[in-house]
N, C-alpha and C. Protein backbone atom coordinates (compact mmCIF):
# COMPACT_ATOMS: atom_id res chain seq x y z
N UNK A 1 70.32 83.14 91.19
CA UNK A 1 70.15 84.30 92.04
C UNK A 1 71.23 85.32 91.72
N UNK A 2 70.91 86.56 91.92
CA UNK A 2 71.89 87.63 91.70
C UNK A 2 72.75 87.83 92.93
N UNK A 3 72.34 87.28 94.07
CA UNK A 3 73.08 87.44 95.31
C UNK A 3 73.84 86.16 95.62
N UNK A 4 75.03 86.04 95.06
CA UNK A 4 75.85 84.84 95.25
C UNK A 4 76.59 84.89 96.58
N UNK A 5 76.79 83.72 97.14
CA UNK A 5 77.60 83.59 98.34
C UNK A 5 79.05 83.90 97.96
N UNK A 6 79.68 84.89 98.59
CA UNK A 6 81.04 85.26 98.23
C UNK A 6 82.05 84.11 98.38
N UNK A 7 81.73 83.11 99.17
CA UNK A 7 82.64 81.97 99.33
C UNK A 7 82.81 81.21 98.02
N UNK A 8 81.89 81.37 97.06
CA UNK A 8 81.98 80.67 95.78
C UNK A 8 82.88 81.39 94.77
N UNK A 9 83.24 82.63 95.02
CA UNK A 9 84.00 83.42 94.05
C UNK A 9 85.31 82.75 93.61
N UNK A 10 86.09 82.12 94.51
CA UNK A 10 87.33 81.49 94.05
C UNK A 10 87.13 80.35 93.04
N UNK A 11 85.92 79.83 92.94
CA UNK A 11 85.65 78.69 92.07
C UNK A 11 84.94 79.11 90.79
N UNK A 12 84.94 80.38 90.48
CA UNK A 12 84.27 80.86 89.28
C UNK A 12 85.29 81.19 88.20
N UNK A 13 84.81 81.24 86.99
CA UNK A 13 85.63 81.65 85.85
C UNK A 13 85.23 83.09 85.53
N UNK A 14 86.15 84.04 85.71
CA UNK A 14 85.80 85.45 85.47
C UNK A 14 85.26 85.67 84.06
N UNK A 15 84.11 86.34 83.99
CA UNK A 15 83.51 86.69 82.70
C UNK A 15 82.85 85.54 81.96
N UNK A 16 82.79 84.34 82.56
CA UNK A 16 82.26 83.18 81.86
C UNK A 16 80.81 83.37 81.44
N UNK A 17 80.02 83.96 82.29
CA UNK A 17 78.60 84.09 81.96
C UNK A 17 78.35 85.11 80.86
N UNK A 18 79.34 85.95 80.58
CA UNK A 18 79.20 86.86 79.44
C UNK A 18 79.41 86.12 78.12
N UNK A 19 80.13 85.01 78.15
CA UNK A 19 80.46 84.28 76.93
C UNK A 19 79.53 83.08 76.69
N UNK A 20 79.08 82.45 77.74
CA UNK A 20 78.19 81.29 77.59
C UNK A 20 77.41 81.08 78.87
N UNK A 21 76.39 80.28 78.77
CA UNK A 21 75.55 79.95 79.91
C UNK A 21 75.78 78.47 80.24
N UNK A 22 75.85 78.14 81.51
CA UNK A 22 76.14 76.76 81.90
C UNK A 22 75.11 75.75 81.38
N UNK A 23 73.80 76.06 81.39
CA UNK A 23 72.86 75.11 80.79
C UNK A 23 73.13 74.87 79.30
N UNK A 24 73.56 75.91 78.59
CA UNK A 24 73.91 75.73 77.18
C UNK A 24 75.08 74.77 77.04
N UNK A 25 76.06 74.94 77.91
CA UNK A 25 77.22 74.05 77.90
C UNK A 25 76.81 72.61 78.19
N UNK A 26 75.91 72.43 79.16
CA UNK A 26 75.41 71.08 79.48
C UNK A 26 74.75 70.45 78.26
N UNK A 27 73.97 71.23 77.53
CA UNK A 27 73.25 70.69 76.38
C UNK A 27 74.21 70.17 75.32
N UNK A 28 75.39 70.77 75.21
CA UNK A 28 76.35 70.32 74.20
C UNK A 28 77.01 69.00 74.58
N UNK A 29 76.82 68.55 75.80
CA UNK A 29 77.46 67.32 76.25
C UNK A 29 76.74 66.05 75.80
N UNK A 30 75.51 66.18 75.25
CA UNK A 30 74.78 64.97 74.86
C UNK A 30 75.58 64.21 73.83
N UNK A 31 75.59 62.94 73.81
CA UNK A 31 74.82 62.01 74.62
C UNK A 31 75.52 61.59 75.91
N UNK A 32 76.58 62.29 76.30
CA UNK A 32 77.32 61.90 77.50
C UNK A 32 76.41 61.92 78.73
N UNK A 33 76.78 61.11 79.71
CA UNK A 33 76.01 61.03 80.95
C UNK A 33 76.39 62.18 81.87
N UNK A 34 75.38 62.71 82.54
CA UNK A 34 75.57 63.79 83.50
C UNK A 34 74.92 63.37 84.81
N UNK A 35 75.63 63.54 85.91
CA UNK A 35 75.08 63.29 87.24
C UNK A 35 75.18 64.59 88.02
N UNK A 36 74.05 65.06 88.50
CA UNK A 36 74.00 66.29 89.30
C UNK A 36 73.75 65.88 90.74
N UNK A 37 74.73 66.14 91.59
CA UNK A 37 74.66 65.76 92.99
C UNK A 37 74.44 67.00 93.84
N UNK A 38 73.41 66.96 94.65
CA UNK A 38 73.14 68.00 95.64
C UNK A 38 73.16 69.41 95.04
N UNK A 39 72.28 69.70 94.08
CA UNK A 39 72.29 71.03 93.47
C UNK A 39 71.98 72.12 94.50
N UNK A 40 72.73 73.20 94.38
CA UNK A 40 72.56 74.33 95.30
C UNK A 40 72.47 75.60 94.49
N UNK A 41 71.81 76.58 95.06
CA UNK A 41 71.74 77.89 94.43
C UNK A 41 73.01 78.67 94.69
N UNK A 42 73.17 79.75 93.97
CA UNK A 42 74.34 80.59 94.15
C UNK A 42 74.44 81.20 95.53
N UNK A 43 73.33 81.20 96.25
CA UNK A 43 73.34 81.73 97.62
C UNK A 43 73.76 80.68 98.64
N UNK A 44 74.01 79.44 98.19
CA UNK A 44 74.46 78.38 99.09
C UNK A 44 73.34 77.54 99.68
N UNK A 45 72.11 77.86 99.35
CA UNK A 45 70.98 77.09 99.86
C UNK A 45 70.64 75.95 98.90
N UNK A 46 70.18 74.81 99.45
CA UNK A 46 69.78 73.69 98.58
C UNK A 46 68.73 74.12 97.58
N UNK A 47 68.85 73.60 96.37
CA UNK A 47 67.90 73.92 95.32
C UNK A 47 66.83 72.84 95.26
N UNK A 48 65.60 73.25 95.20
CA UNK A 48 64.49 72.33 95.03
C UNK A 48 64.63 71.64 93.67
N UNK A 49 64.35 70.33 93.62
CA UNK A 49 64.55 69.58 92.38
C UNK A 49 63.72 70.14 91.23
N UNK A 50 62.51 70.59 91.51
CA UNK A 50 61.68 71.14 90.42
C UNK A 50 62.26 72.47 89.94
N UNK A 51 62.80 73.27 90.84
CA UNK A 51 63.44 74.53 90.45
C UNK A 51 64.69 74.25 89.64
N UNK A 52 65.47 73.25 90.06
CA UNK A 52 66.67 72.87 89.33
C UNK A 52 66.31 72.44 87.92
N UNK A 53 65.28 71.62 87.79
CA UNK A 53 64.86 71.15 86.46
C UNK A 53 64.33 72.31 85.61
N UNK A 54 63.67 73.28 86.23
CA UNK A 54 63.22 74.46 85.49
C UNK A 54 64.42 75.24 84.96
N UNK A 55 65.45 75.40 85.79
CA UNK A 55 66.64 76.13 85.37
C UNK A 55 67.42 75.39 84.30
N UNK A 56 67.29 74.08 84.27
CA UNK A 56 67.99 73.26 83.29
C UNK A 56 67.07 72.81 82.16
N UNK A 57 66.03 73.57 81.92
CA UNK A 57 65.04 73.21 80.90
C UNK A 57 65.69 72.97 79.53
N UNK A 58 66.61 73.85 79.12
CA UNK A 58 67.21 73.71 77.80
C UNK A 58 68.01 72.41 77.66
N UNK A 59 68.95 72.10 78.55
CA UNK A 59 69.66 70.83 78.36
C UNK A 59 68.75 69.61 78.51
N UNK A 60 67.77 69.67 79.41
CA UNK A 60 66.86 68.54 79.57
C UNK A 60 66.06 68.31 78.29
N UNK A 61 65.57 69.38 77.67
CA UNK A 61 64.81 69.24 76.42
C UNK A 61 65.71 68.78 75.28
N UNK A 62 66.97 69.26 75.28
CA UNK A 62 67.91 68.83 74.24
C UNK A 62 68.16 67.34 74.35
N UNK A 63 68.42 66.86 75.55
CA UNK A 63 68.66 65.42 75.75
C UNK A 63 67.40 64.64 75.37
N UNK A 64 66.23 65.14 75.75
CA UNK A 64 64.99 64.44 75.45
C UNK A 64 64.75 64.38 73.94
N UNK A 65 64.96 65.50 73.26
CA UNK A 65 64.74 65.55 71.82
C UNK A 65 65.67 64.59 71.07
N UNK A 66 66.87 64.41 71.60
CA UNK A 66 67.85 63.53 70.97
C UNK A 66 67.70 62.07 71.42
N UNK A 67 66.75 61.82 72.37
CA UNK A 67 66.51 60.46 72.85
C UNK A 67 67.44 60.02 73.97
N UNK A 68 68.06 60.96 74.66
CA UNK A 68 69.00 60.63 75.73
C UNK A 68 68.55 61.15 77.10
N UNK A 69 67.27 61.29 77.31
CA UNK A 69 66.79 61.88 78.56
C UNK A 69 67.23 61.10 79.79
N UNK A 70 67.48 59.81 79.64
CA UNK A 70 67.92 59.00 80.79
C UNK A 70 69.40 59.20 81.10
N UNK A 71 70.09 59.99 80.30
CA UNK A 71 71.51 60.23 80.52
C UNK A 71 71.78 61.39 81.47
N UNK A 72 70.74 62.04 81.96
CA UNK A 72 70.89 63.08 82.99
C UNK A 72 70.24 62.55 84.26
N UNK A 73 71.04 62.45 85.32
CA UNK A 73 70.54 61.92 86.60
C UNK A 73 70.73 62.97 87.69
N UNK A 74 69.85 62.93 88.67
CA UNK A 74 69.90 63.85 89.80
C UNK A 74 70.01 63.07 91.10
N UNK A 75 70.81 63.57 92.01
CA UNK A 75 70.88 63.05 93.38
C UNK A 75 70.70 64.26 94.29
N UNK A 76 69.45 64.67 94.52
CA UNK A 76 69.17 65.94 95.19
C UNK A 76 68.87 65.84 96.68
N UNK A 77 69.53 64.93 97.37
CA UNK A 77 69.15 64.73 98.77
C UNK A 77 69.72 65.74 99.75
N UNK A 78 70.48 66.71 99.27
CA UNK A 78 71.02 67.77 100.12
C UNK A 78 71.71 67.22 101.36
N UNK A 79 72.59 66.29 101.13
CA UNK A 79 73.33 65.69 102.24
C UNK A 79 74.69 66.34 102.35
N UNK A 80 75.29 66.19 103.50
CA UNK A 80 76.61 66.78 103.73
C UNK A 80 77.62 66.21 102.74
N UNK A 81 78.58 67.02 102.30
CA UNK A 81 79.54 66.55 101.29
C UNK A 81 80.35 65.33 101.73
N UNK A 82 80.54 65.11 103.01
CA UNK A 82 81.32 63.96 103.45
C UNK A 82 80.45 62.75 103.77
N UNK A 83 79.18 62.80 103.43
CA UNK A 83 78.27 61.70 103.67
C UNK A 83 78.60 60.55 102.70
N UNK A 84 78.80 59.34 103.22
CA UNK A 84 79.16 58.21 102.35
C UNK A 84 78.08 57.87 101.32
N UNK A 85 76.84 58.32 101.54
CA UNK A 85 75.79 58.04 100.56
C UNK A 85 76.08 58.69 99.22
N UNK A 86 76.73 59.85 99.24
CA UNK A 86 77.07 60.50 97.98
C UNK A 86 78.07 59.64 97.22
N UNK A 87 79.09 59.18 97.92
CA UNK A 87 80.09 58.33 97.26
C UNK A 87 79.46 57.03 96.75
N UNK A 88 78.57 56.46 97.55
CA UNK A 88 77.90 55.23 97.12
C UNK A 88 77.09 55.50 95.85
N UNK A 89 76.34 56.59 95.85
CA UNK A 89 75.54 56.93 94.66
C UNK A 89 76.43 57.18 93.46
N UNK A 90 77.56 57.84 93.67
CA UNK A 90 78.48 58.10 92.57
C UNK A 90 79.04 56.79 92.01
N UNK A 91 79.43 55.87 92.88
CA UNK A 91 79.95 54.58 92.41
C UNK A 91 78.89 53.78 91.67
N UNK A 92 77.65 53.80 92.15
CA UNK A 92 76.56 53.11 91.46
C UNK A 92 76.38 53.72 90.08
N UNK A 93 76.35 55.05 90.02
CA UNK A 93 76.17 55.75 88.75
C UNK A 93 77.31 55.44 87.78
N UNK A 94 78.54 55.48 88.28
CA UNK A 94 79.70 55.19 87.43
C UNK A 94 79.65 53.77 86.89
N UNK A 95 79.25 52.82 87.71
CA UNK A 95 79.15 51.42 87.27
C UNK A 95 78.07 51.22 86.22
N UNK A 96 77.01 52.02 86.30
CA UNK A 96 75.93 51.90 85.32
C UNK A 96 76.30 52.57 84.00
N UNK A 97 77.24 53.51 84.03
CA UNK A 97 77.53 54.32 82.84
C UNK A 97 78.97 54.20 82.36
N UNK A 98 79.58 53.06 82.59
CA UNK A 98 80.98 52.94 82.13
C UNK A 98 81.05 52.34 80.76
């Protein structure tokens, strides 16, 4: 979205999107494992999993073409950040990919 939540500004890298795109950066990480927890749009609203996958089409196709499609995982339950389910999912994921 072009209308970002201003609360996210402190966590951005100035000018980063002029130099590279985050999906491009993700694609270069193959075959490393990636876990996406609770994806949100720049406006702060939860992102629909199909919309997230559409936006990440390039890294998903790159991983698939290289035979590593199972190395990208999603946990899109839009739960509160302090919910223990996120930590549980992270520990399960880490144990599977160590």
